[in-house]
């Protein structure tokens, strides 16, 4: 009989590529991971792994077993959801991942609703970059998370995870301006707006984040590569730097709250879409469903319904 815990290790190895990365993510030693995968190979009766330099590659049999593992783990999530639904009331920890603007603008109201409806549930929020959410969910470090994608940076499909749309946000070009500070619709096409600032210094998020990739790709689509001066992840700080004449930036709708009057905001023909993510099969878990319902009730009316496609 194949052991589910070892199947989970194999699934993580397929996603992360090295035994060291699996060990770090799941709080094992590398030798323990190797040992457990060796036991799994003996249980399967076939070679599941082959080494290529420092990395480990799955054999065709290993890849096939990962597909079965995904199905098995999804069924287990559904079983846990069914058992939780049969219990009386929701209780215990619910580990939530969220990114900063959603944590500030959406999550607090959702937590108030959740506390009123399910006082024994203990939500635990951890700010997590959307790029790191998939690994955290699959590793069991999170139960549910908010993630986002941009028109120029669609989110890749993550095996073992399911997403549900929550809301969409307009995007704005933030640039130094005479005191006004009120968002205005762009009077020309997006490429022309961005090219106006092709020679200006730019402020982006840190490399490796979706926000950084969004700015770079939007500028490249307009015909230039931005000259990055500052790399900052928090949008309030980005706007403070823009107000100080330190550059220009692309900022989402929830990030422009409280913009300085010295910042001019021009709406772009772009959107950021936020989704709720969880392990496949866990969508019917009462705690996950309750948090999703509370989030939808907390979304401000001015935010758009997300488009179905990027």
C-alpha atoms as a PDB file:
ATOM      1  CA  UNK A   1       0.000   0.000   0.000  1.00  0.00           C
ATOM      2  CA  UNK A   2       1.376   3.418  -0.982  1.00  0.00           C
ATOM      3  CA  UNK A   3       1.804   5.841   1.900  1.00  0.00           C
ATOM      4  CA  UNK A   4       0.009   9.184   1.470  1.00  0.00           C
ATOM      5  CA  UNK A   5       2.718  11.120   3.297  1.00  0.00           C
ATOM      6  CA  UNK A   6       5.340   9.808   0.903  1.00  0.00           C
ATOM      7  CA  UNK A   7       3.102  10.612  -2.057  1.00  0.00           C
ATOM      8  CA  UNK A   8       2.981  14.196  -0.776  1.00  0.00           C
ATOM      9  CA  UNK A   9       6.792  14.298  -0.729  1.00  0.00           C
ATOM     10  CA  UNK A  10       6.918  13.036  -4.308  1.00  0.00           C
ATOM     11  CA  UNK A  11       4.388  15.675  -5.372  1.00  0.00           C
ATOM     12  CA  UNK A  12       6.469  18.395  -3.748  1.00  0.00           C
ATOM     13  CA  UNK A  13       9.618  17.106  -5.413  1.00  0.00           C
ATOM     14  CA  UNK A  14       7.887  17.335  -8.784  1.00  0.00           C
ATOM     15  CA  UNK A  15       7.099  21.010  -8.078  1.00  0.00           C
ATOM     16  CA  UNK A  16      10.352  22.115  -6.391  1.00  0.00           C
ATOM     17  CA  UNK A  17      12.965  20.116  -8.277  1.00  0.00           C
ATOM     18  CA  UNK A  18      15.438  19.334  -5.474  1.00  0.00           C
ATOM     19  CA  UNK A  19      15.328  17.230  -2.331  1.00  0.00           C
ATOM     20  CA  UNK A  20      16.867  20.141  -0.392  1.00  0.00           C
ATOM     21  CA  UNK A  21      13.971  22.433  -1.406  1.00  0.00           C
ATOM     22  CA  UNK A  22      11.403  19.829  -0.353  1.00  0.00           C
ATOM     23  CA  UNK A  23      13.170  19.340   2.970  1.00  0.00           C
ATOM     24  CA  UNK A  24      13.258  23.076   3.675  1.00  0.00           C
ATOM     25  CA  UNK A  25       9.606  23.571   2.752  1.00  0.00           C
ATOM     26  CA  UNK A  26       8.292  20.667   4.827  1.00  0.00           C
ATOM     27  CA  UNK A  27      10.693  20.941   7.789  1.00  0.00           C
ATOM     28  CA  UNK A  28      12.451  17.631   7.118  1.00  0.00           C
ATOM     29  CA  UNK A  29      16.141  16.884   6.790  1.00  0.00           C
ATOM     30  CA  UNK A  30      17.297  16.132   3.223  1.00  0.00           C
ATOM     31  CA  UNK A  31      18.353  12.656   4.316  1.00  0.00           C
ATOM     32  CA  UNK A  32      14.882  11.982   5.726  1.00  0.00           C
ATOM     33  CA  UNK A  33      13.257  13.058   2.458  1.00  0.00           C
ATOM     34  CA  UNK A  34      15.619  10.838   0.460  1.00  0.00           C
ATOM     35  CA  UNK A  35      14.936   7.923   2.768  1.00  0.00           C
ATOM     36  CA  UNK A  36      11.159   8.296   2.510  1.00  0.00           C
ATOM     37  CA  UNK A  37      11.294   8.584  -1.270  1.00  0.00           C
ATOM     38  CA  UNK A  38      13.436   5.459  -1.348  1.00  0.00           C
ATOM     39  CA  UNK A  39      10.775   3.625   0.650  1.00  0.00           C
ATOM     40  CA  UNK A  40       8.135   4.892  -1.785  1.00  0.00           C
ATOM     41  CA  UNK A  41      10.141   3.483  -4.701  1.00  0.00           C
ATOM     42  CA  UNK A  42      10.235   0.101  -2.982  1.00  0.00           C
ATOM     43  CA  UNK A  43       6.480   0.292  -2.354  1.00  0.00           C
ATOM     44  CA  UNK A  44       5.894   1.140  -6.015  1.00  0.00           C
ATOM     45  CA  UNK A  45       8.266  -1.547  -7.268  1.00  0.00           C
ATOM     46  CA  UNK A  46       9.603   0.786  -9.967  1.00  0.00           C
ATOM     47  CA  UNK A  47      12.261   3.524 -10.206  1.00  0.00           C
ATOM     48  CA  UNK A  48      10.528   6.850  -9.613  1.00  0.00           C
ATOM     49  CA  UNK A  49      13.561   9.185  -9.643  1.00  0.00           C
ATOM     50  CA  UNK A  50      16.728   9.733 -11.612  1.00  0.00           C
ATOM     51  CA  UNK A  51      19.475  12.228 -10.815  1.00  0.00           C
ATOM     52  CA  UNK A  52      20.583  14.904 -13.302  1.00  0.00           C
ATOM     53  CA  UNK A  53      23.407  16.816 -11.660  1.00  0.00           C
ATOM     54  CA  UNK A  54      22.157  18.410  -8.449  1.00  0.00           C
ATOM     55  CA  UNK A  55      18.518  18.030  -9.404  1.00  0.00           C
ATOM     56  CA  UNK A  56      16.330  14.972  -9.304  1.00  0.00           C
ATOM     57  CA  UNK A  57      14.056  14.216 -12.239  1.00  0.00           C
ATOM     58  CA  UNK A  58      11.010  12.006 -12.108  1.00  0.00           C
ATOM     59  CA  UNK A  59      10.862   8.960 -14.340  1.00  0.00           C
ATOM     60  CA  UNK A  60       7.719   8.435 -16.453  1.00  0.00           C
ATOM     61  CA  UNK A  61       6.451   6.131 -13.693  1.00  0.00           C
ATOM     62  CA  UNK A  62       7.154   8.868 -11.137  1.00  0.00           C
ATOM     63  CA  UNK A  63       5.284  11.481 -13.180  1.00  0.00           C
ATOM     64  CA  UNK A  64       2.326   9.128 -13.520  1.00  0.00           C
ATOM     65  CA  UNK A  65       2.325   8.518  -9.775  1.00  0.00           C
ATOM     66  CA  UNK A  66       2.335  12.294  -9.121  1.00  0.00           C
ATOM     67  CA  UNK A  67      -0.847  12.618 -11.170  1.00  0.00           C
ATOM     68  CA  UNK A  68      -2.442   9.911  -9.040  1.00  0.00           C
ATOM     69  CA  UNK A  69      -1.126  11.632  -5.911  1.00  0.00           C
ATOM     70  CA  UNK A  70      -2.857  14.875  -6.921  1.00  0.00           C
ATOM     71  CA  UNK A  71      -6.160  13.022  -7.227  1.00  0.00           C
ATOM     72  CA  UNK A  72      -5.670  11.200  -3.915  1.00  0.00           C
ATOM     73  CA  UNK A  73      -4.784  14.386  -2.029  1.00  0.00           C
ATOM     74  CA  UNK A  74      -7.786  16.194  -3.504  1.00  0.00           C
ATOM     75  CA  UNK A  75     -10.078  13.363  -2.345  1.00  0.00           C
ATOM     76  CA  UNK A  76      -8.590  13.587   1.141  1.00  0.00           C
ATOM     77  CA  UNK A  77      -9.272  17.345   1.210  1.00  0.00           C
ATOM     78  CA  UNK A  78     -12.882  16.645   0.261  1.00  0.00           C
ATOM     79  CA  UNK A  79     -13.138  14.004   2.981  1.00  0.00           C
ATOM     80  CA  UNK A  80     -11.833  16.462   5.580  1.00  0.00           C
ATOM     81  CA  UNK A  81     -14.333  19.034   4.334  1.00  0.00           C
ATOM     82  CA  UNK A  82     -17.200  16.560   4.682  1.00  0.00           C
ATOM     83  CA  UNK A  83     -16.132  15.624   8.198  1.00  0.00           C
ATOM     84  CA  UNK A  84     -15.814  19.268   9.203  1.00  0.00           C
ATOM     85  CA  UNK A  85     -19.286  19.965   7.848  1.00  0.00           C
ATOM     86  CA  UNK A  86     -20.695  17.159   9.978  1.00  0.00           C
ATOM     87  CA  UNK A  87     -19.297  18.679  13.171  1.00  0.00           C
ATOM     88  CA  UNK A  88     -21.292  21.169  15.199  1.00  0.00           C
ATOM     89  CA  UNK A  89     -19.961  24.688  14.592  1.00  0.00           C
ATOM     90  CA  UNK A  90     -16.592  25.868  13.322  1.00  0.00           C
ATOM     91  CA  UNK A  91     -13.619  25.996  15.677  1.00  0.00           C
ATOM     92  CA  UNK A  92      -9.852  26.045  15.583  1.00  0.00           C
ATOM     93  CA  UNK A  93      -7.218  27.743  13.475  1.00  0.00           C
ATOM     94  CA  UNK A  94      -7.716  28.944   9.902  1.00  0.00           C
ATOM     95  CA  UNK A  95      -4.365  29.967   8.385  1.00  0.00           C
ATOM     96  CA  UNK A  96      -4.849  32.770   5.853  1.00  0.00           C
ATOM     97  CA  UNK A  97      -2.319  34.177   3.391  1.00  0.00           C
ATOM     98  CA  UNK A  98      -2.835  37.694   2.076  1.00  0.00           C
ATOM     99  CA  UNK A  99      -0.893  40.433   0.289  1.00  0.00           C
ATOM    100  CA  UNK A 100      -0.554  43.931   1.845  1.00  0.00           C
ATOM    101  CA  UNK A 101      -3.237  45.981   0.050  1.00  0.00           C
ATOM    102  CA  UNK A 102      -5.859  43.276   0.532  1.00  0.00           C
ATOM    103  CA  UNK A 103      -4.758  42.820   4.149  1.00  0.00           C
ATOM    104  CA  UNK A 104      -5.383  46.513   4.763  1.00  0.00           C
ATOM    105  CA  UNK A 105      -8.488  47.160   2.669  1.00  0.00           C
ATOM    106  CA  UNK A 106     -10.454  43.885   2.569  1.00  0.00           C
ATOM    107  CA  UNK A 107      -9.377  41.400   5.214  1.00  0.00           C
ATOM    108  CA  UNK A 108     -10.214  43.351   8.446  1.00  0.00           C
ATOM    109  CA  UNK A 109     -13.894  43.711   7.521  1.00  0.00           C
ATOM    110  CA  UNK A 110     -14.005  40.039   6.547  1.00  0.00           C
ATOM    111  CA  UNK A 111     -12.538  39.048   9.922  1.00  0.00           C
ATOM    112  CA  UNK A 112     -15.194  41.072  11.742  1.00  0.00           C
ATOM    113  CA  UNK A 113     -17.919  39.224   9.848  1.00  0.00           C
ATOM    114  CA  UNK A 114     -16.206  35.882  10.451  1.00  0.00           C
ATOM    115  CA  UNK A 115     -15.915  36.540  14.203  1.00  0.00           C
ATOM    116  CA  UNK A 116     -19.595  37.446  14.417  1.00  0.00           C
ATOM    117  CA  UNK A 117     -20.754  34.337  12.544  1.00  0.00           C
ATOM    118  CA  UNK A 118     -18.196  31.828  13.867  1.00  0.00           C
ATOM    119  CA  UNK A 119     -16.774  33.045  17.183  1.00  0.00           C
ATOM    120  CA  UNK A 120     -14.892  29.791  17.865  1.00  0.00           C
ATOM    121  CA  UNK A 121     -12.958  29.977  14.604  1.00  0.00           C
ATOM    122  CA  UNK A 122      -9.459  31.430  14.987  1.00  0.00           C
ATOM    123  CA  UNK A 123      -8.284  33.126  11.768  1.00  0.00           C
ATOM    124  CA  UNK A 124      -4.518  33.635  11.572  1.00  0.00           C
ATOM    125  CA  UNK A 125      -3.358  36.059   8.856  1.00  0.00           C
ATOM    126  CA  UNK A 126       0.148  35.915   7.416  1.00  0.00           C
ATOM    127  CA  UNK A 127       1.198  38.350   4.682  1.00  0.00           C
ATOM    128  CA  UNK A 128       2.435  36.181   1.829  1.00  0.00           C
ATOM    129  CA  UNK A 129       3.568  37.218  -1.634  1.00  0.00           C
ATOM    130  CA  UNK A 130       1.224  35.603  -4.192  1.00  0.00           C
ATOM    131  CA  UNK A 131       4.252  34.020  -5.883  1.00  0.00           C
ATOM    132  CA  UNK A 132       4.883  31.984  -2.703  1.00  0.00           C
ATOM    133  CA  UNK A 133       1.274  30.986  -2.003  1.00  0.00           C
ATOM    134  CA  UNK A 134       1.158  27.767  -4.044  1.00  0.00           C
ATOM    135  CA  UNK A 135       4.038  26.161  -2.149  1.00  0.00           C
ATOM    136  CA  UNK A 136       2.649  27.335   1.213  1.00  0.00           C
ATOM    137  CA  UNK A 137      -0.783  25.865   0.485  1.00  0.00           C
ATOM    138  CA  UNK A 138       0.552  22.551  -0.774  1.00  0.00           C
ATOM    139  CA  UNK A 139       2.918  22.303   2.207  1.00  0.00           C
ATOM    140  CA  UNK A 140      -0.002  22.881   4.585  1.00  0.00           C
ATOM    141  CA  UNK A 141       1.415  26.148   5.962  1.00  0.00           C
ATOM    142  CA  UNK A 142      -1.736  27.947   4.770  1.00  0.00           C
ATOM    143  CA  UNK A 143      -5.356  26.805   4.471  1.00  0.00           C
ATOM    144  CA  UNK A 144      -6.556  29.567   2.175  1.00  0.00           C
ATOM    145  CA  UNK A 145      -4.979  32.633   0.558  1.00  0.00           C
ATOM    146  CA  UNK A 146      -5.615  35.706  -1.541  1.00  0.00           C
ATOM    147  CA  UNK A 147      -3.609  35.829  -4.749  1.00  0.00           C
ATOM    148  CA  UNK A 148      -3.600  38.177  -7.713  1.00  0.00           C
ATOM    149  CA  UNK A 149      -2.619  38.401 -11.352  1.00  0.00           C
ATOM    150  CA  UNK A 150      -2.214  41.214 -13.880  1.00  0.00           C
ATOM    151  CA  UNK A 151      -3.074  41.565 -17.550  1.00  0.00           C
ATOM    152  CA  UNK A 152       0.621  41.283 -18.439  1.00  0.00           C
ATOM    153  CA  UNK A 153       1.346  38.632 -15.804  1.00  0.00           C
ATOM    154  CA  UNK A 154      -1.347  35.936 -15.811  1.00  0.00           C
ATOM    155  CA  UNK A 155      -1.113  33.473 -12.955  1.00  0.00           C
ATOM    156  CA  UNK A 156       0.132  30.021 -13.979  1.00  0.00           C
ATOM    157  CA  UNK A 157      -2.124  27.086 -13.286  1.00  0.00           C
ATOM    158  CA  UNK A 158      -0.928  25.400 -10.105  1.00  0.00           C
ATOM    159  CA  UNK A 159      -1.572  21.649  -9.825  1.00  0.00           C
ATOM    160  CA  UNK A 160      -3.376  20.722  -6.654  1.00  0.00           C
ATOM    161  CA  UNK A 161      -4.850  24.192  -6.159  1.00  0.00           C
ATOM    162  CA  UNK A 162      -8.185  25.779  -7.025  1.00  0.00           C
ATOM    163  CA  UNK A 163      -8.930  29.511  -7.321  1.00  0.00           C
ATOM    164  CA  UNK A 164     -12.186  31.476  -7.238  1.00  0.00           C
ATOM    165  CA  UNK A 165     -12.483  35.091  -8.495  1.00  0.00           C
ATOM    166  CA  UNK A 166     -13.069  37.847  -5.914  1.00  0.00           C
ATOM    167  CA  UNK A 167     -12.656  41.291  -7.502  1.00  0.00           C
ATOM    168  CA  UNK A 168     -10.786  43.343 -10.081  1.00  0.00           C
ATOM    169  CA  UNK A 169      -8.951  46.659  -9.715  1.00  0.00           C
ATOM    170  CA  UNK A 170      -8.095  49.409 -12.157  1.00  0.00           C
ATOM    171  CA  UNK A 171      -4.415  50.323 -12.551  1.00  0.00           C
ATOM    172  CA  UNK A 172      -2.969  53.851 -12.460  1.00  0.00           C
ATOM    173  CA  UNK A 173       0.224  55.532 -13.582  1.00  0.00           C
ATOM    174  CA  UNK A 174       1.499  57.603 -10.648  1.00  0.00           C
ATOM    175  CA  UNK A 175       3.757  60.512 -11.613  1.00  0.00           C
ATOM    176  CA  UNK A 176       4.803  63.836 -10.037  1.00  0.00           C
ATOM    177  CA  UNK A 177       2.180  66.453 -10.773  1.00  0.00           C
ATOM    178  CA  UNK A 178       0.912  69.866  -9.774  1.00  0.00           C
ATOM    179  CA  UNK A 179      -1.349  69.616  -6.700  1.00  0.00           C
ATOM    180  CA  UNK A 180      -4.433  67.713  -7.820  1.00  0.00           C
ATOM    181  CA  UNK A 181      -4.110  64.101  -6.837  1.00  0.00           C
ATOM    182  CA  UNK A 182      -7.459  63.025  -8.225  1.00  0.00           C
ATOM    183  CA  UNK A 183      -7.542  59.951 -10.499  1.00  0.00           C
ATOM    184  CA  UNK A 184      -8.399  60.857 -14.084  1.00  0.00           C
ATOM    185  CA  UNK A 185      -9.260  58.731 -17.063  1.00  0.00           C
ATOM    186  CA  UNK A 186      -6.491  58.498 -19.642  1.00  0.00           C
ATOM    187  CA  UNK A 187      -7.173  60.628 -22.687  1.00  0.00           C
ATOM    188  CA  UNK A 188      -5.014  58.489 -24.978  1.00  0.00           C
ATOM    189  CA  UNK A 189      -3.942  54.894 -25.334  1.00  0.00           C
ATOM    190  CA  UNK A 190      -2.017  53.150 -22.580  1.00  0.00           C
ATOM    191  CA  UNK A 191       1.194  52.781 -24.585  1.00  0.00           C
ATOM    192  CA  UNK A 192       1.285  56.512 -25.257  1.00  0.00           C
ATOM    193  CA  UNK A 193       0.781  57.301 -21.563  1.00  0.00           C
ATOM    194  CA  UNK A 194       3.641  55.026 -20.531  1.00  0.00           C
ATOM    195  CA  UNK A 195       5.969  56.227 -23.308  1.00  0.00           C
ATOM    196  CA  UNK A 196       5.581  59.787 -22.028  1.00  0.00           C
ATOM    197  CA  UNK A 197       7.697  58.633 -19.083  1.00  0.00           C
ATOM    198  CA  UNK A 198      10.099  56.366 -20.975  1.00  0.00           C
ATOM    199  CA  UNK A 199      13.112  58.487 -19.941  1.00  0.00           C
ATOM    200  CA  UNK A 200      11.998  58.963 -16.329  1.00  0.00           C
ATOM    201  CA  UNK A 201      13.310  56.899 -13.422  1.00  0.00           C
ATOM    202  CA  UNK A 202      10.855  54.174 -12.397  1.00  0.00           C
ATOM    203  CA  UNK A 203       9.813  52.745  -9.056  1.00  0.00           C
ATOM    204  CA  UNK A 204       8.924  49.049  -9.108  1.00  0.00           C
ATOM    205  CA  UNK A 205       8.350  46.262  -6.641  1.00  0.00           C
ATOM    206  CA  UNK A 206      11.261  43.969  -5.839  1.00  0.00           C
ATOM    207  CA  UNK A 207      12.357  41.483  -8.534  1.00  0.00           C
ATOM    208  CA  UNK A 208      10.660  38.103  -8.368  1.00  0.00           C
ATOM    209  CA  UNK A 209       7.258  39.560  -7.502  1.00  0.00           C
ATOM    210  CA  UNK A 210       4.281  39.712  -9.853  1.00  0.00           C
ATOM    211  CA  UNK A 211       4.085  43.487  -9.319  1.00  0.00           C
ATOM    212  CA  UNK A 212       7.639  43.954 -10.582  1.00  0.00           C
ATOM    213  CA  UNK A 213       7.000  41.784 -13.643  1.00  0.00           C
ATOM    214  CA  UNK A 214       3.777  43.692 -14.376  1.00  0.00           C
ATOM    215  CA  UNK A 215       5.499  47.083 -14.570  1.00  0.00           C
ATOM    216  CA  UNK A 216       8.397  45.819 -16.669  1.00  0.00           C
ATOM    217  CA  UNK A 217       6.180  43.959 -19.133  1.00  0.00           C
ATOM    218  CA  UNK A 218       3.695  46.826 -19.486  1.00  0.00           C
ATOM    219  CA  UNK A 219       6.551  49.187 -20.339  1.00  0.00           C
ATOM    220  CA  UNK A 220       8.090  46.697 -22.751  1.00  0.00           C
ATOM    221  CA  UNK A 221       4.716  46.323 -24.473  1.00  0.00           C
ATOM    222  CA  UNK A 222       4.769  50.117 -24.875  1.00  0.00           C
ATOM    223  CA  UNK A 223       8.165  49.900 -26.586  1.00  0.00           C
ATOM    224  CA  UNK A 224      10.773  50.560 -23.885  1.00  0.00           C
ATOM    225  CA  UNK A 225      12.390  48.992 -20.838  1.00  0.00           C
ATOM    226  CA  UNK A 226      11.977  51.050 -17.668  1.00  0.00           C
ATOM    227  CA  UNK A 227      15.069  52.459 -15.982  1.00  0.00           C
ATOM    228  CA  UNK A 228      14.460  51.317 -12.409  1.00  0.00           C
ATOM    229  CA  UNK A 229      15.768  53.538  -9.638  1.00  0.00           C
ATOM    230  CA  UNK A 230      13.877  52.301  -6.562  1.00  0.00           C
ATOM    231  CA  UNK A 231      12.499  48.872  -5.668  1.00  0.00           C
ATOM    232  CA  UNK A 232       9.760  49.067  -3.042  1.00  0.00           C
ATOM    233  CA  UNK A 233       6.928  46.633  -2.304  1.00  0.00           C
ATOM    234  CA  UNK A 234       4.628  48.839  -0.199  1.00  0.00           C
ATOM    235  CA  UNK A 235       2.465  51.114  -2.354  1.00  0.00           C
ATOM    236  CA  UNK A 236       2.129  53.914   0.228  1.00  0.00           C
ATOM    237  CA  UNK A 237       5.924  54.201   0.193  1.00  0.00           C
ATOM    238  CA  UNK A 238       5.940  54.065  -3.621  1.00  0.00           C
ATOM    239  CA  UNK A 239       3.535  57.037  -3.726  1.00  0.00           C
ATOM    240  CA  UNK A 240       5.655  58.939  -1.173  1.00  0.00           C
ATOM    241  CA  UNK A 241       8.670  58.497  -3.447  1.00  0.00           C
ATOM    242  CA  UNK A 242       6.652  59.656  -6.464  1.00  0.00           C
ATOM    243  CA  UNK A 243       5.537  62.729  -4.498  1.00  0.00           C
ATOM    244  CA  UNK A 244       9.202  63.396  -3.690  1.00  0.00           C
ATOM    245  CA  UNK A 245      10.026  63.475  -7.402  1.00  0.00           C
ATOM    246  CA  UNK A 246      11.919  60.186  -7.308  1.00  0.00           C
ATOM    247  CA  UNK A 247      10.224  58.548 -10.259  1.00  0.00           C
ATOM    248  CA  UNK A 248       7.002  57.158 -11.677  1.00  0.00           C
ATOM    249  CA  UNK A 249       5.174  53.889 -10.936  1.00  0.00           C
ATOM    250  CA  UNK A 250       2.189  51.751 -11.839  1.00  0.00           C
ATOM    251  CA  UNK A 251      -0.108  51.291  -8.842  1.00  0.00           C
ATOM    252  CA  UNK A 252      -3.378  49.330  -8.368  1.00  0.00           C
ATOM    253  CA  UNK A 253      -6.635  50.927  -7.259  1.00  0.00           C
ATOM    254  CA  UNK A 254      -6.375  49.776  -3.638  1.00  0.00           C
ATOM    255  CA  UNK A 255      -2.823  51.126  -3.526  1.00  0.00           C
ATOM    256  CA  UNK A 256      -3.710  54.761  -4.318  1.00  0.00           C
ATOM    257  CA  UNK A 257      -5.675  55.400  -1.120  1.00  0.00           C
ATOM    258  CA  UNK A 258      -4.355  58.503   0.573  1.00  0.00           C
ATOM    259  CA  UNK A 259      -2.174  59.569  -2.352  1.00  0.00           C
ATOM    260  CA  UNK A 260      -0.332  62.855  -1.811  1.00  0.00           C
ATOM    261  CA  UNK A 261      -1.711  65.848  -3.701  1.00  0.00           C
ATOM    262  CA  UNK A 262       1.648  66.113  -5.463  1.00  0.00           C
ATOM    263  CA  UNK A 263       0.977  62.769  -7.168  1.00  0.00           C
ATOM    264  CA  UNK A 264      -0.860  62.781 -10.479  1.00  0.00           C
ATOM    265  CA  UNK A 265      -2.816  59.591 -11.240  1.00  0.00           C
ATOM    266  CA  UNK A 266      -3.743  58.532 -14.765  1.00  0.00           C
ATOM    267  CA  UNK A 267      -5.945  55.497 -15.242  1.00  0.00           C
ATOM    268  CA  UNK A 268      -4.532  52.793 -17.506  1.00  0.00           C
ATOM    269  CA  UNK A 269      -6.289  50.118 -19.533  1.00  0.00           C
ATOM    270  CA  UNK A 270      -4.994  47.390 -17.227  1.00  0.00           C
ATOM    271  CA  UNK A 271      -6.459  45.396 -14.382  1.00  0.00           C
ATOM    272  CA  UNK A 272      -5.318  43.474 -11.361  1.00  0.00           C
ATOM    273  CA  UNK A 273      -7.551  40.522 -10.500  1.00  0.00           C
ATOM    274  CA  UNK A 274      -7.686  39.001  -7.016  1.00  0.00           C
ATOM    275  CA  UNK A 275      -8.705  35.418  -6.359  1.00  0.00           C
ATOM    276  CA  UNK A 276      -9.181  33.136  -3.391  1.00  0.00           C
ATOM    277  CA  UNK A 277      -6.882  30.090  -3.534  1.00  0.00           C
ATOM    278  CA  UNK A 278      -7.049  26.817  -1.626  1.00  0.00           C
ATOM    279  CA  UNK A 279      -6.088  23.181  -2.017  1.00  0.00           C
ATOM    280  CA  UNK A 280      -8.227  21.360  -4.561  1.00  0.00           C
ATOM    281  CA  UNK A 281     -11.059  19.624  -2.758  1.00  0.00           C
ATOM    282  CA  UNK A 282     -11.030  22.087   0.165  1.00  0.00           C
ATOM    283  CA  UNK A 283     -13.517  24.541  -1.340  1.00  0.00           C
ATOM    284  CA  UNK A 284     -16.432  22.909   0.490  1.00  0.00           C
ATOM    285  CA  UNK A 285     -14.625  22.937   3.839  1.00  0.00           C
ATOM    286  CA  UNK A 286     -16.904  25.028   6.101  1.00  0.00           C
ATOM    287  CA  UNK A 287     -14.065  27.247   7.364  1.00  0.00           C
ATOM    288  CA  UNK A 288     -12.764  27.958   3.844  1.00  0.00           C
ATOM    289  CA  UNK A 289     -16.288  28.573   2.550  1.00  0.00           C
ATOM    290  CA  UNK A 290     -17.094  30.837   5.508  1.00  0.00           C
ATOM    291  CA  UNK A 291     -13.987  32.932   4.955  1.00  0.00           C
ATOM    292  CA  UNK A 292     -14.751  33.195   1.231  1.00  0.00           C
ATOM    293  CA  UNK A 293     -18.280  34.411   1.967  1.00  0.00           C
ATOM    294  CA  UNK A 294     -16.982  36.960   4.488  1.00  0.00           C
ATOM    295  CA  UNK A 295     -14.424  38.224   1.969  1.00  0.00           C
ATOM    296  CA  UNK A 296     -17.026  38.724  -0.765  1.00  0.00           C
ATOM    297  CA  UNK A 297     -19.199  40.705   1.651  1.00  0.00           C
ATOM    298  CA  UNK A 298     -16.187  42.904   2.480  1.00  0.00           C
ATOM    299  CA  UNK A 299     -15.247  43.832  -1.110  1.00  0.00           C
ATOM    300  CA  UNK A 300     -15.888  47.586  -1.636  1.00  0.00           C
ATOM    301  CA  UNK A 301     -18.659  48.346  -4.123  1.00  0.00           C
ATOM    302  CA  UNK A 302     -16.341  50.444  -6.300  1.00  0.00           C
ATOM    303  CA  UNK A 303     -14.213  47.442  -7.224  1.00  0.00           C
ATOM    304  CA  UNK A 304     -15.114  45.756 -10.490  1.00  0.00           C
ATOM    305  CA  UNK A 305     -16.127  42.157 -10.988  1.00  0.00           C
ATOM    306  CA  UNK A 306     -13.019  40.410 -12.312  1.00  0.00           C
ATOM    307  CA  UNK A 307     -12.880  39.539 -15.995  1.00  0.00           C
ATOM    308  CA  UNK A 308     -12.998  35.871 -16.862  1.00  0.00           C
ATOM    309  CA  UNK A 309      -9.792  36.061 -18.924  1.00  0.00           C
ATOM    310  CA  UNK A 310      -6.580  38.038 -18.709  1.00  0.00           C
END
